[in-house]
Amino acid sequence: MREWPPLKRKGELIVALPSNVVSELPSLREKTEKLGEISRSLTIFRVTKLVLFRRRPDEEKLIRDILTYHITPPYLRKYIPLKKSLRYVGLLPPLRSPSHAVSKDINEAIDFSYRTGCVIEVDKKEGKIYFDIGLAQPAYVPLSEVRRRYRNGDVEMLRLIRRTKEGIEAKIINEGEVPIYWSYHLGKTYSSLQSLLSDMEDYLKIATSRYGVLITNIWNSLKKRLAKEKKVLVIFGGPKEGLYDIARDEGFDLEAKVDYVINFIPLQGTRTVRTEEAMFISLGILNVIIPR
């Protein structure tokens, strides 16, 4: 069985979190550490995208700042402007995803083929765009092969082709062309849980709750359903309010808007389960059930 690099999922797996997911923590340090655990869980289980829905106190900007930093390959983080929200990012755990665990050897990097690059120079005289890809030599793409204007700081997915005197010849590609799992992405922020559910009507929607049906009672039926679905949305509640509470506050019936409300932790041994803990457990179970 192939283990590394991991293949991308056959379909989409999207996770939704409330924008107050770290609001119960008193310090920026603790919030950063919790977001690091959340980010790790999303990466370990090959989540396609994370989306947010607004809840008060709204900390969407902080979440985006820290997670954007975390999913950026380490060799490109120097281009992220310093800000107060990033004060404790040194405490974030390494992701070691394929986008991060890249070789510093040029030949090995070319053999691996794929790399995230940041534009460092647009040389119209030579007709090339140069990218920092974390190697001793930059990658370049001929201007004749691009269809848009680029500026320093723009980030693109590259396929490395060969080593030349000018650097490493590359081609700009869409991440969808990469056959392996690369990283999760940060999606949009919805004004409410209800607006999120309305926008994703064509997804199989799984809400997580201790008041839901036990996963052990629907294992076989859920497995059959997931085998047919290409788009799956998994929704988690916040630290002080579950999804039933949020739906009630927004004035709608949760069970009428989702396909399943599931308790992934039967007979939990603690009075409460933290969001990051629920994510590891729920996504770990779904990772076994969802076709690879």
C-alpha atoms as a PDB file:
ATOM      1  CA  MET A   1       0.000   0.000   0.000  1.00  0.00           C
ATOM      2  CA  ARG A   2       1.329   3.429  -0.941  1.00  0.00           C
ATOM      3  CA  GLU A   3       1.930   5.565   2.133  1.00  0.00           C
ATOM      4  CA  TRP A   4       4.026   8.564   1.016  1.00  0.00           C
ATOM      5  CA  PRO A   5       3.435  10.892  -0.595  1.00  0.00           C
ATOM      6  CA  PRO A   6      -0.289  10.396   0.072  1.00  0.00           C
ATOM      7  CA  LEU A   7      -2.702  10.381  -2.832  1.00  0.00           C
ATOM      8  CA  LYS A   8      -5.321  13.115  -2.879  1.00  0.00           C
ATOM      9  CA  ARG A   9      -8.880  12.168  -2.059  1.00  0.00           C
ATOM     10  CA  LYS A  10     -11.149  11.062  -4.864  1.00  0.00           C
ATOM     11  CA  GLY A  11     -13.690  13.657  -3.781  1.00  0.00           C
ATOM     12  CA  GLU A  12     -13.934  16.761  -1.607  1.00  0.00           C
ATOM     13  CA  LEU A  13     -13.822  16.658   2.181  1.00  0.00           C
ATOM     14  CA  ILE A  14     -14.668  20.057   3.656  1.00  0.00           C
ATOM     15  CA  VAL A  15     -14.662  20.935   7.355  1.00  0.00           C
ATOM     16  CA  ALA A  16     -16.670  23.818   8.810  1.00  0.00           C
ATOM     17  CA  LEU A  17     -15.900  25.537  12.116  1.00  0.00           C
ATOM     18  CA  PRO A  18     -17.440  28.512  13.946  1.00  0.00           C
ATOM     19  CA  SER A  19     -15.356  31.686  13.941  1.00  0.00           C
ATOM     20  CA  ASN A  20     -15.353  31.673  17.760  1.00  0.00           C
ATOM     21  CA  VAL A  21     -13.631  28.281  17.969  1.00  0.00           C
ATOM     22  CA  VAL A  22     -10.744  29.682  20.054  1.00  0.00           C
ATOM     23  CA  SER A  23     -12.698  32.373  21.908  1.00  0.00           C
ATOM     24  CA  GLU A  24     -12.727  30.539  25.245  1.00  0.00           C
ATOM     25  CA  LEU A  25      -8.952  30.780  25.558  1.00  0.00           C
ATOM     26  CA  PRO A  26      -7.599  33.847  27.397  1.00  0.00           C
ATOM     27  CA  SER A  27      -4.275  34.349  25.635  1.00  0.00           C
ATOM     28  CA  LEU A  28      -2.934  34.600  22.092  1.00  0.00           C
ATOM     29  CA  ARG A  29      -0.400  31.894  22.941  1.00  0.00           C
ATOM     30  CA  GLU A  30      -3.133  29.386  23.834  1.00  0.00           C
ATOM     31  CA  LYS A  31      -5.214  30.325  20.806  1.00  0.00           C
ATOM     32  CA  THR A  32      -2.197  29.780  18.550  1.00  0.00           C
ATOM     33  CA  GLU A  33      -1.481  26.368  20.066  1.00  0.00           C
ATOM     34  CA  LYS A  34      -5.097  25.262  19.631  1.00  0.00           C
ATOM     35  CA  LEU A  35      -5.177  26.407  16.010  1.00  0.00           C
ATOM     36  CA  GLY A  36      -1.994  24.427  15.445  1.00  0.00           C
ATOM     37  CA  GLU A  37      -3.754  21.259  16.622  1.00  0.00           C
ATOM     38  CA  ILE A  38      -6.746  22.028  14.418  1.00  0.00           C
ATOM     39  CA  SER A  39      -4.460  22.590  11.444  1.00  0.00           C
ATOM     40  CA  ARG A  40      -2.650  19.309  12.098  1.00  0.00           C
ATOM     41  CA  SER A  41      -5.918  17.367  12.173  1.00  0.00           C
ATOM     42  CA  LEU A  42      -7.037  18.900   8.880  1.00  0.00           C
ATOM     43  CA  THR A  43      -3.747  17.936   7.269  1.00  0.00           C
ATOM     44  CA  ILE A  44      -3.410  14.445   8.737  1.00  0.00           C
ATOM     45  CA  PHE A  45      -6.814  13.437   7.384  1.00  0.00           C
ATOM     46  CA  ARG A  46      -6.323  15.114   3.986  1.00  0.00           C
ATOM     47  CA  VAL A  47      -9.097  17.661   4.301  1.00  0.00           C
ATOM     48  CA  THR A  48      -9.628  19.629   1.098  1.00  0.00           C
ATOM     49  CA  LYS A  49     -10.795  22.902   2.562  1.00  0.00           C
ATOM     50  CA  LEU A  50     -11.701  24.620   5.817  1.00  0.00           C
ATOM     51  CA  VAL A  51     -14.617  27.050   5.853  1.00  0.00           C
ATOM     52  CA  LEU A  52     -15.861  29.202   8.728  1.00  0.00           C
ATOM     53  CA  PHE A  53     -19.274  30.453   9.809  1.00  0.00           C
ATOM     54  CA  ARG A  54     -19.608  33.531  11.987  1.00  0.00           C
ATOM     55  CA  ARG A  55     -20.324  33.292  15.690  1.00  0.00           C
ATOM     56  CA  ARG A  56     -19.583  35.809  18.410  1.00  0.00           C
ATOM     57  CA  PRO A  57     -17.058  36.668  19.620  1.00  0.00           C
ATOM     58  CA  ASP A  58     -15.859  36.602  16.024  1.00  0.00           C
ATOM     59  CA  GLU A  59     -12.141  35.822  15.664  1.00  0.00           C
ATOM     60  CA  GLU A  60     -12.097  35.069  11.950  1.00  0.00           C
ATOM     61  CA  LYS A  61      -9.157  37.364  11.200  1.00  0.00           C
ATOM     62  CA  LEU A  62      -6.973  35.803  13.872  1.00  0.00           C
ATOM     63  CA  ILE A  63      -7.836  32.305  12.653  1.00  0.00           C
ATOM     64  CA  ARG A  64      -7.003  33.228   9.066  1.00  0.00           C
ATOM     65  CA  ASP A  65      -3.745  34.923   9.984  1.00  0.00           C
ATOM     66  CA  ILE A  66      -2.424  31.959  11.952  1.00  0.00           C
ATOM     67  CA  LEU A  67      -3.671  29.182   9.659  1.00  0.00           C
ATOM     68  CA  THR A  68      -2.459  30.993   6.539  1.00  0.00           C
ATOM     69  CA  TYR A  69       0.963  31.170   8.124  1.00  0.00           C
ATOM     70  CA  HIS A  70       0.833  27.507   9.130  1.00  0.00           C
ATOM     71  CA  ILE A  71      -0.052  26.121   5.687  1.00  0.00           C
ATOM     72  CA  THR A  72       2.526  28.299   3.933  1.00  0.00           C
ATOM     73  CA  PRO A  73       5.669  26.252   3.142  1.00  0.00           C
ATOM     74  CA  PRO A  74       8.409  27.208   5.646  1.00  0.00           C
ATOM     75  CA  TYR A  75      10.726  28.514   2.928  1.00  0.00           C
ATOM     76  CA  LEU A  76       8.083  31.061   1.864  1.00  0.00           C
ATOM     77  CA  ARG A  77       7.069  32.330   5.311  1.00  0.00           C
ATOM     78  CA  LYS A  78       9.668  35.093   5.145  1.00  0.00           C
ATOM     79  CA  TYR A  79       7.368  36.866   2.669  1.00  0.00           C
ATOM     80  CA  ILE A  80       4.480  37.049   5.162  1.00  0.00           C
ATOM     81  CA  PRO A  81       4.368  40.500   6.819  1.00  0.00           C
ATOM     82  CA  LEU A  82       4.924  40.537  10.571  1.00  0.00           C
ATOM     83  CA  LYS A  83       1.842  41.275  12.675  1.00  0.00           C
ATOM     84  CA  LYS A  84       0.773  40.953  16.302  1.00  0.00           C
ATOM     85  CA  SER A  85      -1.428  37.933  15.624  1.00  0.00           C
ATOM     86  CA  LEU A  86       1.648  35.924  14.570  1.00  0.00           C
ATOM     87  CA  ARG A  87       3.606  36.534  17.756  1.00  0.00           C
ATOM     88  CA  TYR A  88       3.525  32.869  18.853  1.00  0.00           C
ATOM     89  CA  VAL A  89       3.631  31.040  15.517  1.00  0.00           C
ATOM     90  CA  GLY A  90       6.956  29.542  16.570  1.00  0.00           C
ATOM     91  CA  LEU A  91       4.878  27.258  18.813  1.00  0.00           C
ATOM     92  CA  LEU A  92       2.920  25.797  15.887  1.00  0.00           C
ATOM     93  CA  PRO A  93       3.657  22.098  15.298  1.00  0.00           C
ATOM     94  CA  PRO A  94       5.330  21.196  11.984  1.00  0.00           C
ATOM     95  CA  LEU A  95       2.821  20.098   9.351  1.00  0.00           C
ATOM     96  CA  ARG A  96       5.210  17.924   7.337  1.00  0.00           C
ATOM     97  CA  SER A  97       2.657  17.695   4.544  1.00  0.00           C
ATOM     98  CA  PRO A  98       3.935  17.148   0.969  1.00  0.00           C
ATOM     99  CA  SER A  99       3.897  20.932   0.478  1.00  0.00           C
ATOM    100  CA  HIS A 100       6.211  21.326   3.474  1.00  0.00           C
ATOM    101  CA  ALA A 101       8.338  18.174   3.549  1.00  0.00           C
ATOM    102  CA  VAL A 102      10.340  19.097   0.462  1.00  0.00           C
ATOM    103  CA  SER A 103      13.945  18.297  -0.329  1.00  0.00           C
ATOM    104  CA  LYS A 104      16.652  20.962  -0.406  1.00  0.00           C
ATOM    105  CA  ASP A 105      18.529  18.958  -3.034  1.00  0.00           C
ATOM    106  CA  ILE A 106      17.847  20.329  -6.523  1.00  0.00           C
ATOM    107  CA  ASN A 107      17.939  16.961  -8.296  1.00  0.00           C
ATOM    108  CA  GLU A 108      15.624  15.364  -5.743  1.00  0.00           C
ATOM    109  CA  ALA A 109      13.276  18.350  -5.999  1.00  0.00           C
ATOM    110  CA  ILE A 110      13.105  18.027  -9.784  1.00  0.00           C
ATOM    111  CA  ASP A 111      12.451  14.282  -9.481  1.00  0.00           C
ATOM    112  CA  PHE A 112       9.572  15.045  -7.069  1.00  0.00           C
ATOM    113  CA  SER A 113       8.302  17.561  -9.687  1.00  0.00           C
ATOM    114  CA  TYR A 114       5.971  19.771  -7.636  1.00  0.00           C
ATOM    115  CA  ARG A 115       6.737  22.893  -5.628  1.00  0.00           C
ATOM    116  CA  THR A 116       5.013  26.016  -4.362  1.00  0.00           C
ATOM    117  CA  GLY A 117       6.815  29.143  -5.545  1.00  0.00           C
ATOM    118  CA  CYS A 118       6.701  32.858  -4.791  1.00  0.00           C
ATOM    119  CA  VAL A 119       7.447  35.432  -7.501  1.00  0.00           C
ATOM    120  CA  ILE A 120      10.678  37.303  -6.728  1.00  0.00           C
ATOM    121  CA  GLU A 121      11.321  38.934 -10.105  1.00  0.00           C
ATOM    122  CA  VAL A 122       9.554  39.589 -13.393  1.00  0.00           C
ATOM    123  CA  ASP A 123      12.353  40.096 -15.922  1.00  0.00           C
ATOM    124  CA  LYS A 124      10.771  41.427 -19.108  1.00  0.00           C
ATOM    125  CA  LYS A 125      14.158  41.804 -20.797  1.00  0.00           C
ATOM    126  CA  GLU A 126      14.964  38.113 -20.394  1.00  0.00           C
ATOM    127  CA  GLY A 127      11.325  37.145 -20.752  1.00  0.00           C
ATOM    128  CA  LYS A 128      11.177  35.166 -17.516  1.00  0.00           C
ATOM    129  CA  ILE A 129       9.371  35.128 -14.186  1.00  0.00           C
ATOM    130  CA  TYR A 130      11.581  33.967 -11.319  1.00  0.00           C
ATOM    131  CA  PHE A 131      10.195  32.097  -8.320  1.00  0.00           C
ATOM    132  CA  ASP A 132      11.679  31.383  -4.916  1.00  0.00           C
ATOM    133  CA  ILE A 133      11.134  27.662  -4.347  1.00  0.00           C
ATOM    134  CA  GLY A 134      13.395  27.231  -1.338  1.00  0.00           C
ATOM    135  CA  LEU A 135      16.402  25.967  -3.291  1.00  0.00           C
ATOM    136  CA  ALA A 136      19.842  27.369  -4.035  1.00  0.00           C
ATOM    137  CA  GLN A 137      18.605  28.289  -7.514  1.00  0.00           C
ATOM    138  CA  PRO A 138      15.277  29.933  -8.373  1.00  0.00           C
ATOM    139  CA  ALA A 139      12.738  28.440 -10.711  1.00  0.00           C
ATOM    140  CA  TYR A 140      11.703  30.358 -13.799  1.00  0.00           C
ATOM    141  CA  VAL A 141       8.768  30.326 -16.183  1.00  0.00           C
ATOM    142  CA  PRO A 142       8.963  31.940 -19.644  1.00  0.00           C
ATOM    143  CA  LEU A 143       6.711  35.000 -19.888  1.00  0.00           C
ATOM    144  CA  SER A 144       5.474  33.647 -23.216  1.00  0.00           C
ATOM    145  CA  GLU A 145       3.753  30.797 -21.343  1.00  0.00           C
ATOM    146  CA  VAL A 146       1.713  32.884 -18.888  1.00  0.00           C
ATOM    147  CA  ARG A 147      -1.659  34.527 -19.454  1.00  0.00           C
ATOM    148  CA  ARG A 148      -1.735  37.070 -16.646  1.00  0.00           C
ATOM    149  CA  ARG A 149       0.447  39.734 -15.123  1.00  0.00           C
ATOM    150  CA  TYR A 150       2.542  38.791 -12.144  1.00  0.00           C
ATOM    151  CA  ARG A 151       3.958  40.868  -9.322  1.00  0.00           C
ATOM    152  CA  ASN A 152       6.509  40.078  -6.653  1.00  0.00           C
ATOM    153  CA  GLY A 153       4.849  38.121  -3.877  1.00  0.00           C
ATOM    154  CA  ASP A 154       2.379  36.227  -6.067  1.00  0.00           C
ATOM    155  CA  VAL A 155       2.299  32.514  -5.230  1.00  0.00           C
ATOM    156  CA  GLU A 156       1.789  29.725  -7.733  1.00  0.00           C
ATOM    157  CA  MET A 157       1.943  25.943  -7.969  1.00  0.00           C
ATOM    158  CA  LEU A 158       4.822  24.839 -10.180  1.00  0.00           C
ATOM    159  CA  ARG A 159       5.877  21.677 -11.930  1.00  0.00           C
ATOM    160  CA  LEU A 160       9.649  21.541 -12.122  1.00  0.00           C
ATOM    161  CA  ILE A 161      10.959  20.404 -15.507  1.00  0.00           C
ATOM    162  CA  ARG A 162      14.740  20.547 -15.677  1.00  0.00           C
ATOM    163  CA  ARG A 163      17.856  22.314 -14.484  1.00  0.00           C
ATOM    164  CA  THR A 164      19.407  24.913 -16.807  1.00  0.00           C
ATOM    165  CA  LYS A 165      22.089  27.599 -16.629  1.00  0.00           C
ATOM    166  CA  GLU A 166      19.443  30.199 -15.734  1.00  0.00           C
ATOM    167  CA  GLY A 167      17.952  28.141 -12.931  1.00  0.00           C
ATOM    168  CA  ILE A 168      15.234  25.525 -12.836  1.00  0.00           C
ATOM    169  CA  GLU A 169      12.787  25.579 -15.709  1.00  0.00           C
ATOM    170  CA  ALA A 170       9.219  25.192 -14.505  1.00  0.00           C
ATOM    171  CA  LYS A 171       5.614  25.401 -15.591  1.00  0.00           C
ATOM    172  CA  ILE A 172       2.727  27.046 -13.732  1.00  0.00           C
ATOM    173  CA  ILE A 173      -0.019  24.517 -13.087  1.00  0.00           C
ATOM    174  CA  ASN A 174      -3.306  24.274 -11.254  1.00  0.00           C
ATOM    175  CA  GLU A 175      -3.086  22.401  -7.962  1.00  0.00           C
ATOM    176  CA  GLY A 176      -5.817  20.135  -9.293  1.00  0.00           C
ATOM    177  CA  GLU A 177      -3.210  18.684 -11.645  1.00  0.00           C
ATOM    178  CA  VAL A 178      -1.086  17.473  -8.733  1.00  0.00           C
ATOM    179  CA  PRO A 179      -1.852  13.768  -8.163  1.00  0.00           C
ATOM    180  CA  ILE A 180      -0.946  13.813  -4.465  1.00  0.00           C
ATOM    181  CA  TYR A 181      -2.468  15.494  -1.427  1.00  0.00           C
ATOM    182  CA  TRP A 182      -0.758  18.855  -1.051  1.00  0.00           C
ATOM    183  CA  SER A 183      -2.475  20.802   1.734  1.00  0.00           C
ATOM    184  CA  TYR A 184      -5.856  22.006   2.874  1.00  0.00           C
ATOM    185  CA  HIS A 185      -7.053  25.449   1.776  1.00  0.00           C
ATOM    186  CA  LEU A 186      -8.842  28.223   3.607  1.00  0.00           C
ATOM    187  CA  GLY A 187     -12.249  28.826   2.062  1.00  0.00           C
ATOM    188  CA  LYS A 188     -14.800  31.561   2.578  1.00  0.00           C
ATOM    189  CA  THR A 189     -16.433  32.702   5.787  1.00  0.00           C
ATOM    190  CA  TYR A 190     -20.221  32.481   5.875  1.00  0.00           C
ATOM    191  CA  SER A 191     -22.447  34.919   7.724  1.00  0.00           C
ATOM    192  CA  SER A 192     -24.147  32.078   9.603  1.00  0.00           C
ATOM    193  CA  LEU A 193     -24.389  28.309   9.894  1.00  0.00           C
ATOM    194  CA  GLN A 194     -27.676  28.428   8.003  1.00  0.00           C
ATOM    195  CA  SER A 195     -26.118  30.299   5.060  1.00  0.00           C
ATOM    196  CA  LEU A 196     -23.320  27.729   4.956  1.00  0.00           C
ATOM    197  CA  LEU A 197     -25.766  24.827   4.804  1.00  0.00           C
ATOM    198  CA  SER A 198     -27.860  26.559   2.133  1.00  0.00           C
ATOM    199  CA  ASP A 199     -24.782  27.138  -0.019  1.00  0.00           C
ATOM    200  CA  MET A 200     -23.708  23.502   0.221  1.00  0.00           C
ATOM    201  CA  GLU A 201     -26.950  21.730  -0.569  1.00  0.00           C
ATOM    202  CA  ASP A 202     -25.218  19.366  -2.992  1.00  0.00           C
ATOM    203  CA  TYR A 203     -22.848  18.077  -0.279  1.00  0.00           C
ATOM    204  CA  LEU A 204     -23.431  15.180   2.075  1.00  0.00           C
ATOM    205  CA  LYS A 205     -23.687  17.132   5.323  1.00  0.00           C
ATOM    206  CA  ILE A 206     -22.544  15.555   8.585  1.00  0.00           C
ATOM    207  CA  ALA A 207     -23.069  17.480  11.826  1.00  0.00           C
ATOM    208  CA  THR A 208     -21.167  16.307  14.895  1.00  0.00           C
ATOM    209  CA  SER A 209     -22.871  16.295  18.295  1.00  0.00           C
ATOM    210  CA  ARG A 210     -22.930  14.294  21.520  1.00  0.00           C
ATOM    211  CA  TYR A 211     -26.716  14.269  21.072  1.00  0.00           C
ATOM    212  CA  GLY A 212     -26.551  12.688  17.630  1.00  0.00           C
ATOM    213  CA  VAL A 213     -27.047   9.076  16.605  1.00  0.00           C
ATOM    214  CA  LEU A 214     -24.180   6.832  17.703  1.00  0.00           C
ATOM    215  CA  ILE A 215     -21.694   6.146  14.929  1.00  0.00           C
ATOM    216  CA  THR A 216     -21.809   2.457  15.858  1.00  0.00           C
ATOM    217  CA  ASN A 217     -25.529   2.342  15.012  1.00  0.00           C
ATOM    218  CA  ILE A 218     -25.151   3.691  11.475  1.00  0.00           C
ATOM    219  CA  TRP A 219     -21.661   2.478  10.519  1.00  0.00           C
ATOM    220  CA  ASN A 220     -22.731   0.236   7.637  1.00  0.00           C
ATOM    221  CA  SER A 221     -25.369   2.559   6.190  1.00  0.00           C
ATOM    222  CA  LEU A 222     -23.032   5.568   6.415  1.00  0.00           C
ATOM    223  CA  LYS A 223     -20.248   3.606   4.721  1.00  0.00           C
ATOM    224  CA  LYS A 224     -22.565   2.750   1.814  1.00  0.00           C
ATOM    225  CA  ARG A 225     -23.697   6.370   1.514  1.00  0.00           C
ATOM    226  CA  LEU A 226     -20.150   7.723   1.565  1.00  0.00           C
ATOM    227  CA  ALA A 227     -19.155   5.291  -1.183  1.00  0.00           C
ATOM    228  CA  LYS A 228     -21.564   7.129  -3.495  1.00  0.00           C
ATOM    229  CA  GLU A 229     -20.749  10.690  -2.492  1.00  0.00           C
ATOM    230  CA  LYS A 230     -18.000  12.873  -3.976  1.00  0.00           C
ATOM    231  CA  LYS A 231     -18.628  15.919  -1.775  1.00  0.00           C
ATOM    232  CA  VAL A 232     -18.701  15.663   2.008  1.00  0.00           C
ATOM    233  CA  LEU A 233     -19.082  18.468   4.558  1.00  0.00           C
ATOM    234  CA  VAL A 234     -18.324  17.847   8.240  1.00  0.00           C
ATOM    235  CA  ILE A 235     -19.440  20.520  10.720  1.00  0.00           C
ATOM    236  CA  PHE A 236     -18.206  21.065  14.266  1.00  0.00           C
ATOM    237  CA  GLY A 237     -19.592  23.248  17.019  1.00  0.00           C
ATOM    238  CA  GLY A 238     -17.797  25.712  19.255  1.00  0.00           C
ATOM    239  CA  PRO A 239     -16.313  25.566  22.752  1.00  0.00           C
ATOM    240  CA  LYS A 240     -19.440  26.826  24.509  1.00  0.00           C
ATOM    241  CA  GLU A 241     -22.239  25.976  22.093  1.00  0.00           C
ATOM    242  CA  GLY A 242     -22.934  22.857  20.093  1.00  0.00           C
ATOM    243  CA  LEU A 243     -24.537  22.725  16.667  1.00  0.00           C
ATOM    244  CA  TYR A 244     -28.043  22.219  18.103  1.00  0.00           C
ATOM    245  CA  ASP A 245     -27.558  25.366  20.176  1.00  0.00           C
ATOM    246  CA  ILE A 246     -26.308  27.345  17.183  1.00  0.00           C
ATOM    247  CA  ALA A 247     -29.177  26.176  14.968  1.00  0.00           C
ATOM    248  CA  ARG A 248     -31.704  27.041  17.667  1.00  0.00           C
ATOM    249  CA  ASP A 249     -30.169  30.496  18.051  1.00  0.00           C
ATOM    250  CA  GLU A 250     -30.384  31.041  14.279  1.00  0.00           C
ATOM    251  CA  GLY A 251     -33.981  29.826  14.199  1.00  0.00           C
ATOM    252  CA  PHE A 252     -33.843  26.585  12.239  1.00  0.00           C
ATOM    253  CA  ASP A 253     -34.038  22.829  12.776  1.00  0.00           C
ATOM    254  CA  LEU A 254     -30.565  21.315  12.467  1.00  0.00           C
ATOM    255  CA  GLU A 255     -31.800  17.814  11.597  1.00  0.00           C
ATOM    256  CA  ALA A 256     -33.889  19.214   8.747  1.00  0.00           C
ATOM    257  CA  LYS A 257     -30.850  20.879   7.161  1.00  0.00           C
ATOM    258  CA  VAL A 258     -28.225  18.135   7.381  1.00  0.00           C
ATOM    259  CA  ASP A 259     -28.089  14.496   6.321  1.00  0.00           C
ATOM    260  CA  TYR A 260     -26.682  13.138   9.574  1.00  0.00           C
ATOM    261  CA  VAL A 261     -26.138  14.298  13.142  1.00  0.00           C
ATOM    262  CA  ILE A 262     -23.580  11.857  14.535  1.00  0.00           C
ATOM    263  CA  ASN A 263     -22.056  11.190  17.923  1.00  0.00           C
ATOM    264  CA  PHE A 264     -18.568   9.956  17.026  1.00  0.00           C
ATOM    265  CA  ILE A 265     -17.577   9.428  20.684  1.00  0.00           C
ATOM    266  CA  PRO A 266     -19.966   6.969  22.347  1.00  0.00           C
ATOM    267  CA  LEU A 267     -19.735   6.880  26.138  1.00  0.00           C
ATOM    268  CA  GLN A 268     -17.207   9.705  26.305  1.00  0.00           C
ATOM    269  CA  GLY A 269     -15.219   9.607  29.514  1.00  0.00           C
ATOM    270  CA  THR A 270     -14.994  13.375  29.982  1.00  0.00           C
ATOM    271  CA  ARG A 271     -17.836  15.782  30.579  1.00  0.00           C
ATOM    272  CA  THR A 272     -16.795  17.844  27.579  1.00  0.00           C
ATOM    273  CA  VAL A 273     -14.723  17.209  24.455  1.00  0.00           C
ATOM    274  CA  ARG A 274     -12.697  20.026  22.976  1.00  0.00           C
ATOM    275  CA  THR A 275     -13.198  20.932  19.326  1.00  0.00           C
ATOM    276  CA  GLU A 276      -9.682  19.894  18.346  1.00  0.00           C
ATOM    277  CA  GLU A 277     -10.177  16.548  20.131  1.00  0.00           C
ATOM    278  CA  ALA A 278     -13.511  15.993  18.407  1.00  0.00           C
ATOM    279  CA  MET A 279     -11.878  16.754  15.060  1.00  0.00           C
ATOM    280  CA  PHE A 280      -9.129  14.162  15.513  1.00  0.00           C
ATOM    281  CA  ILE A 281     -11.634  11.511  16.574  1.00  0.00           C
ATOM    282  CA  SER A 282     -14.371  12.245  14.014  1.00  0.00           C
ATOM    283  CA  LEU A 283     -12.077  12.782  11.040  1.00  0.00           C
ATOM    284  CA  GLY A 284     -10.072   9.700  12.023  1.00  0.00           C
ATOM    285  CA  ILE A 285     -13.211   7.561  11.926  1.00  0.00           C
ATOM    286  CA  LEU A 286     -14.353   9.072   8.634  1.00  0.00           C
ATOM    287  CA  ASN A 287     -10.889   8.487   7.198  1.00  0.00           C
ATOM    288  CA  VAL A 288     -11.503   4.769   7.652  1.00  0.00           C
ATOM    289  CA  ILE A 289     -14.973   4.883   6.118  1.00  0.00           C
ATOM    290  CA  ILE A 290     -14.556   7.297   3.203  1.00  0.00           C
ATOM    291  CA  PRO A 291     -13.139   5.622   0.076  1.00  0.00           C
ATOM    292  CA  ARG A 292      -9.519   6.660  -0.400  1.00  0.00           C
END
